PDB file of N, CA and C in Angstrom:
ATOM      1  N   MET A   1      71.247 -39.702-138.690  1.00  0.00           N
ATOM      2  CA  MET A   1      70.097 -40.536-138.929  1.00  0.00           C
ATOM      3  C   MET A   1      70.277 -41.395-140.184  1.00  0.00           C
ATOM      4  N   ALA A   2      70.966 -40.871-141.145  1.00  0.00           N
ATOM      5  CA  ALA A   2      71.196 -41.602-142.382  1.00  0.00           C
ATOM      6  C   ALA A   2      72.100 -42.810-142.120  1.00  0.00           C
ATOM      7  N   ASP A   3      73.022 -42.654-141.167  1.00  0.00           N
ATOM      8  CA  ASP A   3      73.899 -43.771-140.822  1.00  0.00           C
ATOM      9  C   ASP A   3      73.116 -44.917-140.209  1.00  0.00           C
ATOM     10  N   LEU A   4      72.115 -44.592-139.419  1.00  0.00           N
ATOM     11  CA  LEU A   4      71.273 -45.605-138.793  1.00  0.00           C
ATOM     12  C   LEU A   4      70.476 -46.364-139.847  1.00  0.00           C
ATOM     13  N   GLY A   5      70.061 -45.675-140.903  1.00  0.00           N
ATOM     14  CA  GLY A   5      69.325 -46.304-141.989  1.00  0.00           C
ATOM     15  C   GLY A   5      70.179 -47.311-142.738  1.00  0.00           C
ATOM     16  N   ILE A   6      71.485 -47.139-142.763  1.00  0.00           N
ATOM     17  CA  ILE A   6      72.390 -48.059-143.430  1.00  0.00           C
ATOM     18  C   ILE A   6      72.748 -49.218-142.502  1.00  0.00           C
ATOM     19  N   LEU A   7      72.888 -48.929-141.208  1.00  0.00           N
ATOM     20  CA  LEU A   7      73.301 -49.941-140.249  1.00  0.00           C
ATOM     21  C   LEU A   7      72.228 -51.005-140.006  1.00  0.00           C
ATOM     22  N   VAL A   8      70.980 -50.624-140.024  1.00  0.00           N
ATOM     23  CA  VAL A   8      69.905 -51.586-139.762  1.00  0.00           C
ATOM     24  C   VAL A   8      69.887 -52.692-140.817  1.00  0.00           C
ATOM     25  N   PRO A   9      69.914 -52.397-142.111  1.00  0.00           N
ATOM     26  CA  PRO A   9      69.946 -53.485-143.098  1.00  0.00           C
ATOM     27  C   PRO A   9      71.240 -54.313-143.029  1.00  0.00           C
ATOM     28  N   LEU A  10      72.369 -53.642-142.749  1.00  0.00           N
ATOM     29  CA  LEU A  10      73.622 -54.382-142.611  1.00  0.00           C
ATOM     30  C   LEU A  10      73.552 -55.352-141.445  1.00  0.00           C
ATOM     31  N   PHE A  11      72.998 -54.914-140.341  1.00  0.00           N
ATOM     32  CA  PHE A  11      72.850 -55.784-139.177  1.00  0.00           C
ATOM     33  C   PHE A  11      71.915 -56.946-139.505  1.00  0.00           C
ATOM     34  N   ALA A  12      70.835 -56.659-140.190  1.00  0.00           N
ATOM     35  CA  ALA A  12      69.871 -57.702-140.564  1.00  0.00           C
ATOM     36  C   ALA A  12      70.509 -58.724-141.506  1.00  0.00           C
ATOM     37  N   LEU A  13      71.365 -58.280-142.404  1.00  0.00           N
ATOM     38  CA  LEU A  13      72.025 -59.194-143.332  1.00  0.00           C
ATOM     39  C   LEU A  13      73.162 -59.983-142.664  1.00  0.00           C
ATOM     40  N   SER A  14      73.731 -59.444-141.606  1.00  0.00           N
ATOM     41  CA  SER A  14      74.843 -60.137-140.952  1.00  0.00           C
ATOM     42  C   SER A  14      74.363 -61.273-140.041  1.00  0.00           C
ATOM     43  N   ILE A  15      73.120 -61.265-139.616  1.00  0.00           N
ATOM     44  CA  ILE A  15      72.606 -62.331-138.734  1.00  0.00           C
ATOM     45  C   ILE A  15      72.680 -63.701-139.402  1.00  0.00           C
ATOM     46  N   PRO A  16      72.217 -63.884-140.641  1.00  0.00           N
ATOM     47  CA  PRO A  16      72.342 -65.210-141.266  1.00  0.00           C
ATOM     48  C   PRO A  16      73.801 -65.626-141.478  1.00  0.00           C
ATOM     49  N   ILE A  17      74.656 -64.666-141.752  1.00  0.00           N
ATOM     50  CA  ILE A  17      76.072 -64.990-141.951  1.00  0.00           C
ATOM     51  C   ILE A  17      76.668 -65.514-140.657  1.00  0.00           C
ATOM     52  N   VAL A  18      76.364 -64.866-139.554  1.00  0.00           N
ATOM     53  CA  VAL A  18      76.868 -65.307-138.257  1.00  0.00           C
ATOM     54  C   VAL A  18      76.288 -66.673-137.905  1.00  0.00           C
ATOM     55  N   THR A  19      75.031 -66.911-138.221  1.00  0.00           N
ATOM     56  CA  THR A  19      74.395 -68.198-137.954  1.00  0.00           C
ATOM     57  C   THR A  19      75.071 -69.310-138.753  1.00  0.00           C
ATOM     58  N   ILE A  20      75.324 -69.076-140.014  1.00  0.00           N
ATOM     59  CA  ILE A  20      75.988 -70.071-140.863  1.00  0.00           C
ATOM     60  C   ILE A  20      77.395 -70.341-140.343  1.00  0.00           C
ATOM     61  N   TRP A  21      78.126 -69.296-139.974  1.00  0.00           N
ATOM     62  CA  TRP A  21      79.483 -69.449-139.471  1.00  0.00           C
ATOM     63  C   TRP A  21      79.489 -70.244-138.168  1.00  0.00           C
ATOM     64  N   THR A  22      78.521 -69.978-137.287  1.00  0.00           N
ATOM     65  CA  THR A  22      78.430 -70.689-136.014  1.00  0.00           C
ATOM     66  C   THR A  22      78.142 -72.174-136.241  1.00  0.00           C
ATOM     67  N   ARG A  23      77.241 -72.498-137.137  1.00  0.00           N
ATOM     68  CA  ARG A  23      76.942 -73.908-137.451  1.00  0.00           C
ATOM     69  C   ARG A  23      78.180 -74.609-138.006  1.00  0.00           C
ATOM     70  N   HIS A  24      78.884 -73.904-138.874  1.00  0.00           N
ATOM     71  CA  HIS A  24      80.100 -74.475-139.454  1.00  0.00           C
ATOM     72  C   HIS A  24      81.123 -74.773-138.356  1.00  0.00           C
ATOM     73  N   GLN A  25      81.307 -73.842-137.432  1.00  0.00           N
ATOM     74  CA  GLN A  25      82.248 -74.043-136.339  1.00  0.00           C
ATOM     75  C   GLN A  25      81.835 -75.230-135.465  1.00  0.00           C
ATOM     76  N   GLN A  26      80.543 -75.395-135.231  1.00  0.00           N
ATOM     77  CA  GLN A  26      80.054 -76.531-134.446  1.00  0.00           C
ATOM     78  C   GLN A  26      80.334 -77.849-135.165  1.00  0.00           C
ATOM     79  N   LYS A  27      80.093 -77.883-136.473  1.00  0.00           N
ATOM     80  CA  LYS A  27      80.377 -79.095-137.238  1.00  0.00           C
ATOM     81  C   LYS A  27      81.873 -79.424-137.219  1.00  0.00           C
ATOM     82  N   MET A  28      82.704 -78.411-137.360  1.00  0.00           N
ATOM     83  CA  MET A  28      84.153 -78.626-137.338  1.00  0.00           C
ATOM     84  C   MET A  28      84.597 -79.154-135.972  1.00  0.00           C
ATOM     85  N   ALA A  29      84.020 -78.642-134.903  1.00  0.00           N
ATOM     86  CA  ALA A  29      84.367 -79.111-133.561  1.00  0.00           C
ATOM     87  C   ALA A  29      83.930 -80.563-133.375  1.00  0.00           C
ATOM     88  N   ALA A  30      82.766 -80.926-133.907  1.00  0.00           N
ATOM     89  CA  ALA A  30      82.284 -82.304-133.797  1.00  0.00           C
ATOM     90  C   ALA A  30      83.198 -83.258-134.579  1.00  0.00           C
ATOM     91  N   ILE A  31      83.610 -82.852-135.757  1.00  0.00           N
ATOM     92  CA  ILE A  31      84.503 -83.678-136.573  1.00  0.00           C
ATOM     93  C   ILE A  31      85.849 -83.849-135.870  1.00  0.00           C
ATOM     94  N   GLN A  32      86.361 -82.772-135.302  1.00  0.00           N
ATOM     95  CA  GLN A  32      87.642 -82.843-134.605  1.00  0.00           C
ATOM     96  C   GLN A  32      87.538 -83.744-133.372  1.00  0.00           C
ATOM     97  N   ALA A  33      86.426 -83.667-132.648  1.00  0.00           N
ATOM     98  CA  ALA A  33      86.246 -84.526-131.479  1.00  0.00           C
ATOM     99  C   ALA A  33      86.178 -85.992-131.894  1.00  0.00           C
ATOM    100  N   GLU A  34      85.500 -86.277-132.995  1.00  0.00           N
ATOM    101  CA  GLU A  34      85.406 -87.656-133.494  1.00  0.00           C
ATOM    102  C   GLU A  34      86.777 -88.183-133.911  1.00  0.00           C
ATOM    103  N   THR A  35      87.528 -87.351-134.605  1.00  0.00           N
ATOM    104  CA  THR A  35      88.866 -87.745-135.042  1.00  0.00           C
ATOM    105  C   THR A  35      89.775 -87.990-133.840  1.00  0.00           C
ATOM    106  N   THR A  36      89.666 -87.139-132.843  1.00  0.00           N
ATOM    107  CA  THR A  36      90.475 -87.307-131.637  1.00  0.00           C
ATOM    108  C   THR A  36      90.120 -88.606-130.930  1.00  0.00           C
ATOM    109  N   ALA A  37      88.835 -88.934-130.868  1.00  0.00           N
ATOM    110  CA  ALA A  37      88.408 -90.181-130.231  1.00  0.00           C
ATOM    111  C   ALA A  37      88.939 -91.397-130.996  1.00  0.00           C
ATOM    112  N   GLU A  38      88.906 -91.328-132.327  1.00  0.00           N
ATOM    113  CA  GLU A  38      89.433 -92.434-133.132  1.00  0.00           C
ATOM    114  C   GLU A  38      90.934 -92.609-132.905  1.00  0.00           C
ATOM    115  N   LYS A  39      91.664 -91.498-132.855  1.00  0.00           N
ATOM    116  CA  LYS A  39      93.104 -91.585-132.616  1.00  0.00           C
ATOM    117  C   LYS A  39      93.392 -92.168-131.240  1.00  0.00           C
ATOM    118  N   ALA A  40      92.625 -91.759-130.256  1.00  0.00           N
ATOM    119  CA  ALA A  40      92.821 -92.282-128.901  1.00  0.00           C
ATOM    120  C   ALA A  40      92.574 -93.787-128.867  1.00  0.00           C
ATOM    121  N   ALA A  41      91.558 -94.242-129.585  1.00  0.00           N
ATOM    122  CA  ALA A  41      91.273 -95.672-129.636  1.00  0.00           C
ATOM    123  C   ALA A  41      92.410 -96.435-130.318  1.00  0.00           C
ATOM    124  N   LEU A  42      92.950 -95.876-131.391  1.00  0.00           N
ATOM    125  CA  LEU A  42      94.076 -96.511-132.079  1.00  0.00           C
ATOM    126  C   LEU A  42      95.304 -96.581-131.181  1.00  0.00           C
ATOM    127  N   TYR A  43      95.587 -95.498-130.467  1.00  0.00           N
ATOM    128  CA  TYR A  43      96.731 -95.495-129.555  1.00  0.00           C
ATOM    129  C   TYR A  43      96.535 -96.504-128.439  1.00  0.00           C
ATOM    130  N   ALA A  44      95.320 -96.613-127.933  1.00  0.00           N
ATOM    131  CA  ALA A  44      95.048 -97.573-126.858  1.00  0.00           C
ATOM    132  C   ALA A  44      95.257 -99.000-127.360  1.00  0.00           C
ATOM    133  N   THR A  45      94.789 -99.288-128.567  1.00  0.00           N
ATOM    134  CA  THR A  45      94.964-100.615-129.147  1.00  0.00           C
ATOM    135  C   THR A  45      96.445-100.909-129.370  1.00  0.00           C
ATOM    136  N   SER A  46      97.152 -99.936-129.924  1.00  0.00           N
ATOM    137  CA  SER A  46      98.576-100.110-130.167  1.00  0.00           C
ATOM    138  C   SER A  46      99.326-100.313-128.859  1.00  0.00           C
ATOM    139  N   ASN A  47      98.966 -99.553-127.854  1.00  0.00           N
ATOM    140  CA  ASN A  47      99.606 -99.673-126.554  1.00  0.00           C
ATOM    141  C   ASN A  47      99.355-101.055-125.957  1.00  0.00           C
ATOM    142  N   ALA A  48      98.141-101.552-126.080  1.00  0.00           N
ATOM    143  CA  ALA A  48      97.823-102.880-125.557  1.00  0.00           C
ATOM    144  C   ALA A  48      98.631-103.959-126.287  1.00  0.00           C
ATOM    145  N   GLN A  49      98.777-103.816-127.585  1.00  0.00           N
ATOM    146  CA  GLN A  49      99.559-104.783-128.354  1.00  0.00           C
ATOM    147  C   GLN A  49     101.028-104.755-127.930  1.00  0.00           C
ATOM    148  N   LEU A  50     101.562-103.563-127.727  1.00  0.00           N
ATOM    149  CA  LEU A  50     102.960-103.453-127.299  1.00  0.00           C
ATOM    150  C   LEU A  50     103.151-104.052-125.906  1.00  0.00           C
ATOM    151  N   GLU A  51     102.203-103.808-125.011  1.00  0.00           N
ATOM    152  CA  GLU A  51     102.296-104.389-123.670  1.00  0.00           C
ATOM    153  C   GLU A  51     102.274-105.912-123.739  1.00  0.00           C
ATOM    154  N   GLU A  52     101.443-106.460-124.605  1.00  0.00           N
ATOM    155  CA  GLU A  52     101.377-107.914-124.750  1.00  0.00           C
ATOM    156  C   GLU A  52     102.697-108.460-125.284  1.00  0.00           C
ATOM    157  N   ARG A  53     103.289-107.770-126.244  1.00  0.00           N
ATOM    158  CA  ARG A  53     104.573-108.213-126.792  1.00  0.00           C
ATOM    159  C   ARG A  53     105.667-108.171-125.732  1.00  0.00           C
ATOM    160  N   VAL A  54     105.647-107.130-124.899  1.00  0.00           N
ATOM    161  CA  VAL A  54     106.642-107.035-123.829  1.00  0.00           C
ATOM    162  C   VAL A  54     106.455-108.186-122.842  1.00  0.00           C
ATOM    163  N   ARG A  55     105.201-108.505-122.523  1.00  0.00           N
ATOM    164  CA  ARG A  55     104.947-109.636-121.625  1.00  0.00           C
ATOM    165  C   ARG A  55     105.507-110.933-122.204  1.00  0.00           C
ATOM    166  N   VAL A  56     105.303-111.146-123.505  1.00  0.00           N
ATOM    167  CA  VAL A  56     105.818-112.354-124.152  1.00  0.00           C
ATOM    168  C   VAL A  56     107.342-112.372-124.092  1.00  0.00           C
ATOM    169  N   LEU A  57     107.962-111.245-124.379  1.00  0.00           N
ATOM    170  CA  LEU A  57     109.426-111.185-124.324  1.00  0.00           C
ATOM    171  C   LEU A  57     109.937-111.431-122.903  1.00  0.00           C
ATOM    172  N   GLU A  58     109.241-110.884-121.916  1.00  0.00           N
ATOM    173  CA  GLU A  58     109.640-111.128-120.531  1.00  0.00           C
ATOM    174  C   GLU A  58     109.531-112.606-120.189  1.00  0.00           C
ATOM    175  N   ARG A  59     108.474-113.240-120.674  1.00  0.00           N
ATOM    176  CA  ARG A  59     108.294-114.663-120.432  1.00  0.00           C
ATOM    177  C   ARG A  59     109.407-115.474-121.083  1.00  0.00           C
ATOM    178  N   ILE A  60     109.768-115.097-122.312  1.00  0.00           N
ATOM    179  CA  ILE A  60     110.821-115.820-123.025  1.00  0.00           C
ATOM    180  C   ILE A  60     112.147-115.681-122.277  1.00  0.00           C
ATOM    181  N   ILE A  61     112.447-114.471-121.835  1.00  0.00           N
ATOM    182  CA  ILE A  61     113.726-114.235-121.166  1.00  0.00           C
ATOM    183  C   ILE A  61     113.776-114.936-119.814  1.00  0.00           C
ATOM    184  N   THR A  62     112.689-114.913-119.072  1.00  0.00           N
ATOM    185  CA  THR A  62     112.718-115.529-117.738  1.00  0.00           C
ATOM    186  C   THR A  62     112.616-117.044-117.812  1.00  0.00           C
ATOM    187  N   ASP A  63     112.083-117.585-118.886  1.00  0.00           N
ATOM    188  CA  ASP A  63     112.050-119.036-119.050  1.00  0.00           C
ATOM    189  C   ASP A  63     113.414-119.517-119.527  1.00  0.00           C
ATOM    190  N   GLY A  64     113.597-120.805-119.517  1.00  0.00           N
ATOM    191  CA  GLY A  64     114.849-121.377-120.005  1.00  0.00           C
ATOM    192  C   GLY A  64     114.960-121.315-121.512  1.00  0.00           C
ATOM    193  N   GLY A  65     113.894-120.968-122.194  1.00  0.00           N
ATOM    194  CA  GLY A  65     113.892-120.931-123.645  1.00  0.00           C
ATOM    195  C   GLY A  65     114.797-119.869-124.223  1.00  0.00           C
ATOM    196  N   TYR A  66     115.155-118.892-123.438  1.00  0.00           N
ATOM    197  CA  TYR A  66     116.034-117.836-123.939  1.00  0.00           C
ATOM    198  C   TYR A  66     117.392-118.421-124.312  1.00  0.00           C
ATOM    199  N   ASP A  67     117.897-119.334-123.492  1.00  0.00           N
ATOM    200  CA  ASP A  67     119.165-119.990-123.818  1.00  0.00           C
ATOM    201  C   ASP A  67     119.060-120.749-125.126  1.00  0.00           C
ATOM    202  N   THR A  68     117.925-121.394-125.347  1.00  0.00           N
ATOM    203  CA  THR A  68     117.710-122.133-126.592  1.00  0.00           C
ATOM    204  C   THR A  68     117.751-121.182-127.778  1.00  0.00           C
ATOM    205  N   ALA A  69     117.113-120.044-127.643  1.00  0.00           N
ATOM    206  CA  ALA A  69     117.119-119.063-128.732  1.00  0.00           C
ATOM    207  C   ALA A  69     118.529-118.577-129.009  1.00  0.00           C
ATOM    208  N   LEU A  70     119.299-118.343-127.978  1.00  0.00           N
ATOM    209  CA  LEU A  70     120.689-117.918-128.179  1.00  0.00           C
ATOM    210  C   LEU A  70     121.505-118.996-128.882  1.00  0.00           C
ATOM    211  N   GLN A  71     121.271-120.245-128.524  1.00  0.00           N
ATOM    212  CA  GLN A  71     121.987-121.344-129.173  1.00  0.00           C
ATOM    213  C   GLN A  71     121.622-121.431-130.642  1.00  0.00           C
ATOM    214  N   ILE A  72     120.348-121.245-130.960  1.00  0.00           N
ATOM    215  CA  ILE A  72     119.916-121.277-132.361  1.00  0.00           C
ATOM    216  C   ILE A  72     120.598-120.156-133.134  1.00  0.00           C
ATOM    217  N   GLU A  73     120.627-118.963-132.567  1.00  0.00           N
ATOM    218  CA  GLU A  73     121.270-117.838-133.243  1.00  0.00           C
ATOM    219  C   GLU A  73     122.766-118.084-133.425  1.00  0.00           C
ATOM    220  N   SER A  74     123.412-118.674-132.428  1.00  0.00           N
ATOM    221  CA  SER A  74     124.846-118.941-132.567  1.00  0.00           C
ATOM    222  C   SER A  74     125.103-119.965-133.668  1.00  0.00           C
ATOM    223  N   LEU A  75     124.215-120.958-133.807  1.00  0.00           N
ATOM    224  CA  LEU A  75     124.361-121.930-134.896  1.00  0.00           C
ATOM    225  C   LEU A  75     124.206-121.256-136.248  1.00  0.00           C
ATOM    226  N   ARG A  76     123.262-120.318-136.345  1.00  0.00           N
ATOM    227  CA  ARG A  76     123.092-119.588-137.608  1.00  0.00           C
ATOM    228  C   ARG A  76     124.359-118.814-137.928  1.00  0.00           C
ATOM    229  N   ASP A  77     124.910-118.149-136.921  1.00  0.00           N
ATOM    230  CA  ASP A  77     126.126-117.378-137.137  1.00  0.00           C
ATOM    231  C   ASP A  77     127.278-118.277-137.586  1.00  0.00           C
ATOM    232  N   GLN A  78     127.394-119.461-136.985  1.00  0.00           N
ATOM    233  CA  GLN A  78     128.459-120.388-137.376  1.00  0.00           C
ATOM    234  C   GLN A  78     128.311-120.811-138.827  1.00  0.00           C
ATOM    235  N   ARG A  79     127.075-121.094-139.247  1.00  0.00           N
ATOM    236  CA  ARG A  79     126.850-121.497-140.642  1.00  0.00           C
ATOM    237  C   ARG A  79     127.220-120.386-141.599  1.00  0.00           C
ATOM    238  N   GLU A  80     126.907-119.142-141.242  1.00  0.00           N
ATOM    239  CA  GLU A  80     127.240-118.023-142.123  1.00  0.00           C
ATOM    240  C   GLU A  80     128.748-117.860-142.241  1.00  0.00           C
ATOM    241  N   VAL A  81     129.465-118.024-141.133  1.00  0.00           N
ATOM    242  CA  VAL A  81     130.931-117.918-141.171  1.00  0.00           C
ATOM    243  C   VAL A  81     131.513-119.037-142.011  1.00  0.00           C
ATOM    244  N   GLU A  82     131.017-120.255-141.820  1.00  0.00           N
ATOM    245  CA  GLU A  82     131.518-121.395-142.587  1.00  0.00           C
ATOM    246  C   GLU A  82     131.208-121.230-144.067  1.00  0.00           C
ATOM    247  N   ALA A  83     130.038-120.717-144.388  1.00  0.00           N
ATOM    248  CA  ALA A  83     129.673-120.521-145.789  1.00  0.00           C
ATOM    249  C   ALA A  83     130.549-119.460-146.438  1.00  0.00           C
ATOM    250  N   SER A  84     130.932-118.465-145.694  1.00  0.00           N
ATOM    251  CA  SER A  84     131.777-117.417-146.279  1.00  0.00           C
ATOM    252  C   SER A  84     133.203-117.888-146.510  1.00  0.00           C
ATOM    253  N   ARG A  85     133.633-118.935-145.804  1.00  0.00           N
ATOM    254  CA  ARG A  85     134.988-119.473-145.969  1.00  0.00           C
ATOM    255  C   ARG A  85     135.099-120.393-147.183  1.00  0.00           C
ATOM    256  N   LEU A  86     133.973-120.935-147.655  1.00  0.00           N
ATOM    257  CA  LEU A  86     134.000-121.856-148.788  1.00  0.00           C
ATOM    258  C   LEU A  86     134.339-121.103-150.067  1.00  0.00           C
ATOM    259  N   PRO A  87     134.983-121.773-151.020  1.00  0.00           N
ATOM    260  CA  PRO A  87     135.253-121.122-152.323  1.00  0.00           C
ATOM    261  C   PRO A  87     133.947-120.765-153.011  1.00  0.00           C
ATOM    262  N   ALA A  88     134.011-119.813-153.887  1.00  0.00           N
ATOM    263  CA  ALA A  88     132.817-119.299-154.561  1.00  0.00           C
ATOM    264  C   ALA A  88     132.120-120.372-155.380  1.00  0.00           C
ATOM    265  N   GLU A  89     132.861-121.335-155.980  1.00  0.00           N
ATOM    266  CA  GLU A  89     132.244-122.356-156.824  1.00  0.00           C
ATOM    267  C   GLU A  89     131.382-123.310-156.011  1.00  0.00           C
ATOM    268  N   THR A  90     131.756-123.608-154.795  1.00  0.00           N
ATOM    269  CA  THR A  90     131.017-124.596-154.015  1.00  0.00           C
ATOM    270  C   THR A  90     129.823-123.990-153.285  1.00  0.00           C
ATOM    271  N   ARG A  91     129.788-122.674-153.149  1.00  0.00           N
ATOM    272  CA  ARG A  91     128.647-122.012-152.479  1.00  0.00           C
ATOM    273  C   ARG A  91     127.373-122.061-153.305  1.00  0.00           C
ATOM    274  N   GLN A  92     127.492-122.126-154.587  1.00  0.00           N
ATOM    275  CA  GLN A  92     126.326-122.088-155.461  1.00  0.00           C
ATOM    276  C   GLN A  92     125.692-123.415-155.461  1.00  0.00           C
TER     277      GLN A  92
END
């Protein structure tokens, strides 16, 4: 009987602790859900941007402009080779 006298107050004191812990867990779950939603939105935006860039690159490659870009790059490469062949005094 003496054990029951100790258990009743302990049980009564544990109810508010469990209530506080439960509220805390609910708040943590809400914060985690919000963070997950924000991350999903960021990934969706990033994915859309990457898809748009791929579309642009596909357009460039399938158009005749890709040859133009290659020609521009080859001219840059030629200038770099020619510049490296010049003596050091004339490069400055």
